[in-house]
């Protein structure tokens, strides 16, 4: 009986020591995944040289990646950040002019998305994955 009690106490103590370590490891493993799902804004969105472009046709993270890639192809674009939830593209430029904004919006259009000022390029839109087309994000949720 005494040996059984010693073994039980030893097992309970070992279990208690390993539990906190597991708890400490679990949040570290979860934090990067959460950060990857919603990246923090890296730029000062109140800077006068940061364009804020509404893209109402953006639906998902795949859309954001496509738009970001298109905008990065514009020489005036120094940095690009996309907020899918607010359907807004933030672009840091050296000189915020109407011509620069037009170039950025045309790049978004050529990626297959409409802005409030420029209609999307239909051929580029046709090439988008289904989840990125009108209502695509809602269709994906139903599946």
N, C-alpha and C. Protein backbone atom coordinates (compact mmCIF):
# COMPACT_ATOMS: atom_id res chain seq x y z
N UNK A 1 0.81 -1.19 0.00
CA UNK A 1 0.00 0.00 0.00
C UNK A 1 0.86 1.26 0.00
N UNK A 2 1.94 1.26 0.79
CA UNK A 2 2.83 2.41 0.87
C UNK A 2 3.52 2.67 -0.46
N UNK A 3 3.94 1.58 -1.15
CA UNK A 3 4.59 1.72 -2.46
C UNK A 3 3.61 2.30 -3.48
N UNK A 4 2.38 1.87 -3.43
CA UNK A 4 1.35 2.38 -4.33
C UNK A 4 1.15 3.88 -4.11
N UNK A 5 1.14 4.30 -2.84
CA UNK A 5 0.97 5.70 -2.50
C UNK A 5 2.14 6.54 -3.00
N UNK A 6 3.37 6.03 -2.87
CA UNK A 6 4.56 6.72 -3.33
C UNK A 6 4.52 6.87 -4.86
N UNK A 7 4.12 5.80 -5.57
CA UNK A 7 4.02 5.86 -7.03
C UNK A 7 2.94 6.85 -7.46
N UNK A 8 1.82 6.86 -6.79
CA UNK A 8 0.74 7.79 -7.12
C UNK A 8 1.18 9.23 -6.94
N UNK A 9 1.87 9.51 -5.83
CA UNK A 9 2.36 10.87 -5.57
C UNK A 9 3.38 11.26 -6.63
N UNK A 10 4.25 10.35 -7.01
CA UNK A 10 5.28 10.62 -8.01
C UNK A 10 4.64 10.91 -9.37
N UNK A 11 3.64 10.14 -9.74
CA UNK A 11 2.96 10.37 -11.01
C UNK A 11 2.23 11.70 -11.02
N UNK A 12 1.57 12.02 -9.93
CA UNK A 12 0.86 13.29 -9.85
C UNK A 12 1.83 14.45 -9.94
N UNK A 13 2.98 14.35 -9.24
CA UNK A 13 3.97 15.42 -9.31
C UNK A 13 4.54 15.57 -10.70
N UNK A 14 4.81 14.47 -11.37
CA UNK A 14 5.34 14.54 -12.75
C UNK A 14 4.32 15.18 -13.66
N UNK A 15 3.06 14.79 -13.50
CA UNK A 15 2.01 15.36 -14.33
C UNK A 15 1.88 16.85 -14.12
N UNK A 16 2.01 17.31 -12.88
CA UNK A 16 1.90 18.75 -12.60
C UNK A 16 3.07 19.52 -13.17
N UNK A 17 4.25 18.93 -13.17
CA UNK A 17 5.42 19.62 -13.70
C UNK A 17 5.34 19.74 -15.21
N UNK A 18 4.82 18.72 -15.89
CA UNK A 18 4.79 18.78 -17.35
C UNK A 18 3.62 19.61 -17.87
N UNK A 19 2.54 19.75 -17.07
CA UNK A 19 1.40 20.53 -17.54
C UNK A 19 1.75 22.00 -17.78
N UNK A 20 2.40 22.68 -16.84
CA UNK A 20 2.71 24.09 -17.11
C UNK A 20 3.62 24.26 -18.32
N UNK A 21 4.53 23.32 -18.53
CA UNK A 21 5.41 23.43 -19.69
C UNK A 21 4.58 23.30 -20.96
N UNK A 22 3.62 22.38 -20.97
CA UNK A 22 2.77 22.22 -22.14
C UNK A 22 1.93 23.47 -22.36
N UNK A 23 1.43 24.05 -21.25
CA UNK A 23 0.65 25.27 -21.38
C UNK A 23 1.49 26.41 -21.93
N UNK A 24 2.74 26.50 -21.52
CA UNK A 24 3.62 27.57 -22.01
C UNK A 24 3.93 27.37 -23.48
N UNK A 25 4.08 26.13 -23.91
CA UNK A 25 4.43 25.86 -25.31
C UNK A 25 3.24 26.08 -26.23
N UNK A 26 2.05 25.76 -25.78
CA UNK A 26 0.88 25.86 -26.64
C UNK A 26 0.62 27.28 -27.14
N UNK A 27 0.63 28.31 -26.26
CA UNK A 27 0.37 29.65 -26.78
C UNK A 27 1.42 30.11 -27.79
N UNK A 28 2.67 29.73 -27.59
CA UNK A 28 3.70 30.12 -28.55
C UNK A 28 3.40 29.54 -29.92
N UNK A 29 2.91 28.31 -29.94
CA UNK A 29 2.59 27.67 -31.22
C UNK A 29 1.37 28.33 -31.84
N UNK A 30 0.44 28.84 -31.03
CA UNK A 30 -0.77 29.44 -31.57
C UNK A 30 -0.56 30.88 -31.99
N UNK A 31 0.32 31.61 -31.32
CA UNK A 31 0.51 33.03 -31.63
C UNK A 31 0.92 33.29 -33.07
N UNK A 32 1.91 32.58 -33.63
CA UNK A 32 2.26 32.85 -35.01
C UNK A 32 1.11 32.59 -35.98
N UNK A 33 0.31 31.55 -35.71
CA UNK A 33 -0.81 31.26 -36.60
C UNK A 33 -1.82 32.40 -36.56
N UNK A 34 -2.10 32.91 -35.38
CA UNK A 34 -3.04 34.02 -35.26
C UNK A 34 -2.48 35.26 -35.95
N UNK A 35 -1.19 35.51 -35.80
CA UNK A 35 -0.57 36.67 -36.44
C UNK A 35 -0.61 36.53 -37.95
N UNK A 36 -0.44 35.32 -38.46
CA UNK A 36 -0.47 35.09 -39.90
C UNK A 36 -1.86 35.33 -40.46
N UNK A 37 -2.89 35.03 -39.67
CA UNK A 37 -4.26 35.20 -40.14
C UNK A 37 -4.61 36.67 -40.29
N UNK A 38 -4.12 37.51 -39.42
CA UNK A 38 -4.44 38.94 -39.47
C UNK A 38 -3.18 39.74 -39.20
N UNK A 39 -2.44 40.09 -40.27
CA UNK A 39 -1.21 40.83 -40.07
C UNK A 39 -1.49 42.24 -39.54
N UNK A 40 -0.61 42.71 -38.69
CA UNK A 40 -0.74 44.07 -38.16
C UNK A 40 -0.32 45.07 -39.23
N UNK A 41 -0.96 46.22 -39.21
CA UNK A 41 -0.60 47.27 -40.15
C UNK A 41 0.81 47.74 -39.83
N UNK A 42 1.68 47.67 -40.81
CA UNK A 42 3.08 48.03 -40.61
C UNK A 42 3.33 49.51 -40.90
N UNK A 43 2.42 50.16 -41.61
CA UNK A 43 2.67 51.56 -41.99
C UNK A 43 1.72 52.50 -41.27
N UNK A 44 2.10 53.74 -41.22
CA UNK A 44 1.27 54.78 -40.63
C UNK A 44 0.21 55.18 -41.65
N UNK A 45 -1.00 54.71 -41.46
CA UNK A 45 -2.06 54.97 -42.43
C UNK A 45 -2.53 56.42 -42.43
N UNK A 46 -2.06 57.21 -41.47
CA UNK A 46 -2.41 58.63 -41.43
C UNK A 46 -1.38 59.51 -42.13
N UNK A 47 -0.31 58.90 -42.63
CA UNK A 47 0.72 59.63 -43.37
C UNK A 47 0.10 60.17 -44.66
N UNK A 48 0.34 61.44 -45.01
CA UNK A 48 -0.24 62.00 -46.23
C UNK A 48 0.26 61.32 -47.51
N UNK A 49 1.36 60.58 -47.41
CA UNK A 49 1.86 59.84 -48.58
C UNK A 49 1.42 58.38 -48.57
N UNK A 50 0.41 58.07 -47.79
CA UNK A 50 -0.19 56.74 -47.83
C UNK A 50 -1.57 56.87 -48.48
N UNK A 51 -1.70 56.26 -49.65
CA UNK A 51 -2.99 56.26 -50.34
C UNK A 51 -3.89 55.24 -49.67
N UNK A 52 -5.17 55.59 -49.51
CA UNK A 52 -6.17 54.68 -48.97
C UNK A 52 -7.18 54.46 -50.08
N UNK A 53 -7.18 53.25 -50.63
CA UNK A 53 -8.02 52.96 -51.79
C UNK A 53 -9.04 51.90 -51.43
N UNK A 54 -10.30 52.25 -51.59
CA UNK A 54 -11.39 51.32 -51.32
C UNK A 54 -11.52 50.34 -52.49
N UNK A 55 -11.58 49.05 -52.15
CA UNK A 55 -11.73 48.00 -53.16
C UNK A 55 -12.93 47.15 -52.75
N UNK A 56 -14.14 47.60 -53.07
CA UNK A 56 -15.34 46.91 -52.61
C UNK A 56 -15.50 45.49 -53.16
N UNK A 57 -14.80 45.16 -54.22
CA UNK A 57 -14.92 43.82 -54.81
C UNK A 57 -13.97 42.81 -54.18
N UNK A 58 -13.12 43.24 -53.24
CA UNK A 58 -12.21 42.33 -52.54
C UNK A 58 -13.02 41.46 -51.59
N UNK A 59 -12.68 40.14 -51.56
CA UNK A 59 -13.48 39.22 -50.74
C UNK A 59 -12.69 38.43 -49.71
N UNK A 60 -11.42 38.13 -49.99
CA UNK A 60 -10.71 37.20 -49.12
C UNK A 60 -9.20 37.47 -49.14
N UNK A 61 -8.46 36.67 -48.38
CA UNK A 61 -7.00 36.81 -48.33
C UNK A 61 -6.35 36.53 -49.69
N UNK A 62 -6.95 35.67 -50.47
CA UNK A 62 -6.42 35.41 -51.81
C UNK A 62 -6.53 36.67 -52.67
N UNK A 63 -7.64 37.37 -52.54
CA UNK A 63 -7.81 38.66 -53.24
C UNK A 63 -6.70 39.62 -52.81
N UNK A 64 -6.47 39.69 -51.49
CA UNK A 64 -5.47 40.61 -50.95
C UNK A 64 -4.10 40.33 -51.53
N UNK A 65 -3.73 39.05 -51.63
CA UNK A 65 -2.42 38.69 -52.19
C UNK A 65 -2.32 39.11 -53.65
N UNK A 66 -3.38 38.89 -54.42
CA UNK A 66 -3.38 39.26 -55.84
C UNK A 66 -3.26 40.77 -56.00
N UNK A 67 -4.01 41.51 -55.23
CA UNK A 67 -3.97 42.97 -55.29
C UNK A 67 -2.59 43.48 -54.89
N UNK A 68 -2.06 42.94 -53.81
CA UNK A 68 -0.74 43.37 -53.32
C UNK A 68 0.32 43.15 -54.39
N UNK A 69 0.27 42.00 -55.03
CA UNK A 69 1.24 41.69 -56.09
C UNK A 69 1.11 42.68 -57.25
N UNK A 70 -0.12 43.00 -57.64
CA UNK A 70 -0.33 43.95 -58.73
C UNK A 70 0.17 45.34 -58.40
N UNK A 71 -0.10 45.79 -57.19
CA UNK A 71 0.31 47.14 -56.77
C UNK A 71 1.82 47.22 -56.64
N UNK A 72 2.46 46.15 -56.17
CA UNK A 72 3.92 46.17 -56.03
C UNK A 72 4.61 46.33 -57.38
N UNK A 73 3.91 46.06 -58.47
CA UNK A 73 4.47 46.24 -59.81
C UNK A 73 4.52 47.69 -60.26
N UNK A 74 3.92 48.57 -59.49
CA UNK A 74 3.92 50.01 -59.82
C UNK A 74 5.16 50.63 -59.17
N UNK A 75 5.98 51.30 -59.98
CA UNK A 75 7.24 51.82 -59.47
C UNK A 75 7.06 52.82 -58.33
N UNK A 76 5.98 53.56 -58.32
CA UNK A 76 5.74 54.54 -57.27
C UNK A 76 5.37 53.92 -55.91
N UNK A 77 4.96 52.66 -55.92
CA UNK A 77 4.54 51.99 -54.69
C UNK A 77 5.76 51.55 -53.89
N UNK A 78 5.92 52.11 -52.70
CA UNK A 78 7.05 51.76 -51.83
C UNK A 78 6.69 50.62 -50.89
N UNK A 79 5.44 50.59 -50.45
CA UNK A 79 4.97 49.56 -49.52
C UNK A 79 3.47 49.41 -49.73
N UNK A 80 2.96 48.21 -49.51
CA UNK A 80 1.55 47.93 -49.70
C UNK A 80 1.04 47.11 -48.53
N UNK A 81 -0.13 47.48 -48.03
CA UNK A 81 -0.80 46.70 -47.00
C UNK A 81 -2.26 46.63 -47.38
N UNK A 82 -2.89 45.50 -47.11
CA UNK A 82 -4.28 45.30 -47.49
C UNK A 82 -5.07 44.86 -46.27
N UNK A 83 -6.21 45.50 -46.05
CA UNK A 83 -7.12 45.11 -44.96
C UNK A 83 -8.39 44.57 -45.61
N UNK A 84 -8.52 43.24 -45.60
CA UNK A 84 -9.66 42.59 -46.23
C UNK A 84 -10.96 42.99 -45.53
N UNK A 85 -10.94 43.07 -44.20
CA UNK A 85 -12.16 43.39 -43.46
C UNK A 85 -12.76 44.74 -43.86
N UNK A 86 -11.91 45.74 -44.03
CA UNK A 86 -12.42 47.06 -44.42
C UNK A 86 -12.39 47.26 -45.94
N UNK A 87 -11.89 46.24 -46.65
CA UNK A 87 -11.80 46.28 -48.12
C UNK A 87 -11.02 47.52 -48.58
N UNK A 88 -9.87 47.72 -47.91
CA UNK A 88 -9.04 48.90 -48.19
C UNK A 88 -7.61 48.49 -48.47
N UNK A 89 -7.02 49.15 -49.47
CA UNK A 89 -5.61 48.96 -49.81
C UNK A 89 -4.89 50.24 -49.39
N UNK A 90 -3.80 50.06 -48.65
CA UNK A 90 -2.97 51.19 -48.21
C UNK A 90 -1.65 51.10 -48.96
N UNK A 91 -1.28 52.18 -49.64
CA UNK A 91 -0.06 52.18 -50.44
C UNK A 91 0.80 53.38 -50.06
N UNK A 92 2.00 53.10 -49.59
CA UNK A 92 2.97 54.16 -49.27
C UNK A 92 3.66 54.55 -50.56
N UNK A 93 3.63 55.84 -50.87
CA UNK A 93 4.27 56.37 -52.06
C UNK A 93 5.17 57.54 -51.66
N UNK A 94 6.14 57.87 -52.51
CA UNK A 94 7.03 58.99 -52.23
C UNK A 94 6.31 60.32 -52.41
N UNK A 95 5.42 60.38 -53.40
CA UNK A 95 4.74 61.62 -53.73
C UNK A 95 3.28 61.31 -54.07
N UNK A 96 2.39 61.68 -53.18
CA UNK A 96 0.96 61.40 -53.35
C UNK A 96 0.36 62.42 -54.31
N UNK A 97 0.20 62.00 -55.56
CA UNK A 97 -0.40 62.86 -56.58
C UNK A 97 -1.58 62.13 -57.21
N UNK A 98 -2.46 62.86 -57.88
CA UNK A 98 -3.57 62.20 -58.59
C UNK A 98 -3.07 61.19 -59.63
N UNK A 99 -1.95 61.49 -60.29
CA UNK A 99 -1.39 60.58 -61.29
C UNK A 99 -0.93 59.28 -60.64
N UNK A 100 -0.30 59.40 -59.48
CA UNK A 100 0.15 58.20 -58.77
C UNK A 100 -1.04 57.37 -58.34
N UNK A 101 -2.07 58.01 -57.81
CA UNK A 101 -3.28 57.28 -57.39
C UNK A 101 -3.91 56.56 -58.59
N UNK A 102 -3.95 57.23 -59.73
CA UNK A 102 -4.52 56.61 -60.94
C UNK A 102 -3.73 55.36 -61.32
N UNK A 103 -2.40 55.44 -61.29
CA UNK A 103 -1.56 54.29 -61.63
C UNK A 103 -1.81 53.11 -60.68
N UNK A 104 -1.94 53.41 -59.39
CA UNK A 104 -2.20 52.36 -58.40
C UNK A 104 -3.57 51.72 -58.66
N UNK A 105 -4.59 52.56 -58.89
CA UNK A 105 -5.93 52.04 -59.14
C UNK A 105 -5.99 51.23 -60.44
N UNK A 106 -5.23 51.63 -61.45
CA UNK A 106 -5.18 50.85 -62.69
C UNK A 106 -4.52 49.49 -62.46
N UNK A 107 -3.51 49.45 -61.59
CA UNK A 107 -2.86 48.18 -61.26
C UNK A 107 -3.84 47.25 -60.55
N UNK A 108 -4.66 47.82 -59.68
CA UNK A 108 -5.68 47.03 -58.99
C UNK A 108 -6.69 46.51 -60.01
N UNK A 109 -7.09 47.36 -60.94
CA UNK A 109 -8.02 46.96 -62.01
C UNK A 109 -7.44 45.83 -62.85
N UNK A 110 -6.17 45.94 -63.20
CA UNK A 110 -5.52 44.92 -64.01
C UNK A 110 -5.35 43.60 -63.25
N UNK A 111 -5.52 43.66 -61.92
CA UNK A 111 -5.48 42.46 -61.10
C UNK A 111 -6.85 41.78 -61.04
N UNK A 112 -7.88 42.47 -61.55
CA UNK A 112 -9.22 41.89 -61.60
C UNK A 112 -10.21 42.47 -60.61
N UNK A 113 -9.86 43.58 -59.97
CA UNK A 113 -10.71 44.17 -58.93
C UNK A 113 -11.08 45.60 -59.27
N UNK A 114 -12.28 46.00 -58.87
CA UNK A 114 -12.73 47.38 -59.06
C UNK A 114 -12.43 48.20 -57.82
N UNK A 115 -12.09 49.45 -58.05
CA UNK A 115 -12.02 50.42 -56.96
C UNK A 115 -13.25 51.29 -57.10
N UNK A 116 -13.40 52.26 -56.24
CA UNK A 116 -14.57 53.14 -56.37
C UNK A 116 -14.46 54.02 -57.61
N UNK A 117 -13.23 54.20 -58.14
CA UNK A 117 -13.03 55.08 -59.29
C UNK A 117 -12.74 54.33 -60.61
N UNK A 118 -12.23 53.11 -60.54
CA UNK A 118 -11.81 52.40 -61.75
C UNK A 118 -12.44 51.01 -61.77
N UNK A 119 -13.08 50.69 -62.90
CA UNK A 119 -13.71 49.38 -63.05
C UNK A 119 -12.66 48.32 -63.36
N UNK A 120 -12.88 47.12 -62.85
CA UNK A 120 -11.94 46.01 -63.05
C UNK A 120 -11.80 45.63 -64.51
N UNK A 121 -10.64 45.09 -64.83
CA UNK A 121 -10.37 44.52 -66.15
C UNK A 121 -11.09 43.18 -66.20
N UNK A 122 -12.00 43.01 -67.14
CA UNK A 122 -12.84 41.81 -67.19
C UNK A 122 -12.03 40.53 -67.43
N UNK A 123 -11.02 40.59 -68.29
CA UNK A 123 -10.20 39.40 -68.56
C UNK A 123 -9.46 38.96 -67.30
N UNK A 124 -8.94 39.92 -66.54
CA UNK A 124 -8.24 39.60 -65.30
C UNK A 124 -9.23 39.02 -64.28
N UNK A 125 -10.43 39.59 -64.23
CA UNK A 125 -11.46 39.08 -63.32
C UNK A 125 -11.82 37.64 -63.68
N UNK A 126 -11.96 37.36 -64.96
CA UNK A 126 -12.31 36.00 -65.40
C UNK A 126 -11.26 34.98 -64.99
N UNK A 127 -10.01 35.40 -64.85
CA UNK A 127 -8.92 34.50 -64.47
C UNK A 127 -8.80 34.29 -62.96
N UNK A 128 -9.54 35.04 -62.17
CA UNK A 128 -9.46 34.90 -60.71
C UNK A 128 -10.07 33.57 -60.26
N UNK A 129 -9.61 33.05 -59.12
CA UNK A 129 -10.25 31.86 -58.56
C UNK A 129 -11.71 32.18 -58.19
N UNK A 130 -12.56 31.17 -58.15
CA UNK A 130 -13.98 31.38 -57.86
C UNK A 130 -14.22 32.10 -56.55
N UNK A 131 -13.38 31.84 -55.54
CA UNK A 131 -13.59 32.48 -54.23
C UNK A 131 -13.41 33.99 -54.31
N UNK A 132 -12.71 34.48 -55.33
CA UNK A 132 -12.42 35.91 -55.47
C UNK A 132 -13.43 36.63 -56.36
N UNK A 133 -14.33 35.90 -56.93
CA UNK A 133 -15.34 36.52 -57.80
C UNK A 133 -16.55 36.94 -56.98
N UNK A 134 -17.40 37.77 -57.56
CA UNK A 134 -18.57 38.29 -56.86
C UNK A 134 -19.32 37.17 -56.14
N UNK A 135 -19.48 37.33 -54.83
CA UNK A 135 -20.18 36.34 -54.03
C UNK A 135 -19.39 35.08 -53.73
N UNK A 136 -18.16 35.02 -54.18
CA UNK A 136 -17.35 33.81 -54.02
C UNK A 136 -17.06 33.47 -52.58
N UNK A 137 -16.78 34.46 -51.77
CA UNK A 137 -16.49 34.20 -50.35
C UNK A 137 -17.72 33.61 -49.67
N UNK A 138 -18.90 34.09 -50.01
CA UNK A 138 -20.13 33.55 -49.43
C UNK A 138 -20.39 32.12 -49.90
N UNK A 139 -20.11 31.85 -51.18
CA UNK A 139 -20.27 30.47 -51.69
C UNK A 139 -19.34 29.52 -50.97
N UNK A 140 -18.10 29.97 -50.70
CA UNK A 140 -17.11 29.13 -50.01
C UNK A 140 -17.57 28.81 -48.59
N UNK A 141 -18.18 29.77 -47.89
CA UNK A 141 -18.65 29.56 -46.52
C UNK A 141 -19.75 28.51 -46.46
N UNK A 142 -20.60 28.45 -47.51
CA UNK A 142 -21.72 27.50 -47.53
C UNK A 142 -21.27 26.07 -47.77
N UNK A 143 -20.09 25.91 -48.35
CA UNK A 143 -19.62 24.54 -48.67
C UNK A 143 -19.12 23.82 -47.49
